[in-house]
Amino acid sequence: MLQTAADPTARTRTDPCKITVRGKDGAELVFEVNRNDMLLKAAIEQGIDYPHNCRVGVCGTCKTRLVNGRVSPMVDLALSPLTNEQIEAGFVLACQAKVRTDLVLEAKLGGGAMLPVKTVPARVLRWHKLPGEVIDLRLALETPVPFNAGQYCTIAESGSFTRRSYSYYDTPAADGSGASEIGFLVKRLPGGKFSEWLFAEDRSGVKFWVEGPFGVMGVDDFDRDGLCVAGGTGLSPILSIVGDRLRKSKTAKFTIVFGVRTAKDIFANDRLNALLAEGGDRVRLVTILSHEPAGSSWTGPRGLVTAALDETLGIDYAQTAAFICGNLGMVEAVEKRLIGLGVQADRIHADKFVPSGTP
């Protein structure tokens, strides 16, 4: 069971703790972190390829079994993505686990090529309004930074303390070289400090700071067919993932289910059309509208994205890798639906967008 350190000095001590991580293949990785450091943050800072995505205790990607030692959870486990059974078995979230003692852990490391996190200056190269109150924001980086498909970074206007995380929509360079330009799809959120500021006027030329990359969105099984479900600007990492996999596999096929409210909210048609042209018969797009007015000229499917996920989609769910990106409720509903259709849980890769609030 997860325990909290009884040592009354544990809150202030910063002496090193030995961390031993065991993989399912029997391999072990040993490293040190300072007592009272957050486990995931300390591992990433040392270049350790620890599974993670959201880093705020929501997605569950960093779940880790605590075999021995003590940590302090920084989030109420009852509100975490861990099941009661996982909590009873000693699982914790590495992103929310403050190290109190030496630890022995079980986790799946090495899911992909670990890229160093960098903080670099940038400026707005393009600010373009799209339908559905979405901005296509493109930044020019002073120093090229490599990233993997499906990853994200944090951005902030130079001089501002307001930072937000967004997924790259670009396909990474085939040779792994760094990108000198990066692009994002930013949805206007009423009351959101950053998005309201961004939408207020053309921000071309404005200086930014960019930190990243972060996250892991399924970097194996490149030849496996993929089902990609995007809600709104969850399309951004999907564009990156599909573009990357088309290059890495000569056989894999992809079905993209893209959900927005109405036909007037459909955005990024240029990028979707370019992806469809690149993939040919290997890429199929299904756009579904949840709030399209009755009697309109729309002839495509209607409803929530889950309504498009059934046997008529023509997918071998048992053999499919799934990529789901969007708001938390949508992603969880799709995960449940896909498991019911036969998709294996370890082949479901999810990016759950969590609002950062208005401050």
Foldseek 3Di string as FASTA:
>chain_A
DADADPPPCLCPFFCKAWEWEAEPVGDIDIDIGTAQDQQVVRCLQVLWQQADAPLPQEPCRRKKAWPDAHWDFQDDPVPGPDDPVSVVRRIDRSSRTGHRHHTYIYGHTDQDRGFRKDKFKWFWADWDAWFQQKTKTKIFTPDFGFDAQLWKKWKDFVPDPDIDIFHWLAATDPVRTGDRMTIGIGHQDVLAAVSVVSPPDTRGGTMMMIIDTDHDFGDDPLQFAAEEEEEQRLVRSVNHVLVNSVVVYVHHAYEYEYEDAEPRRDTPPVSVVVSCVSCPVRYHYAYEHAHYDPPDPDPGHYHQSLVVDDVVVVDPLQRYQYEYEDASVSQVVVLVSSVVVRHDNVSYGYRHDDDPDRD
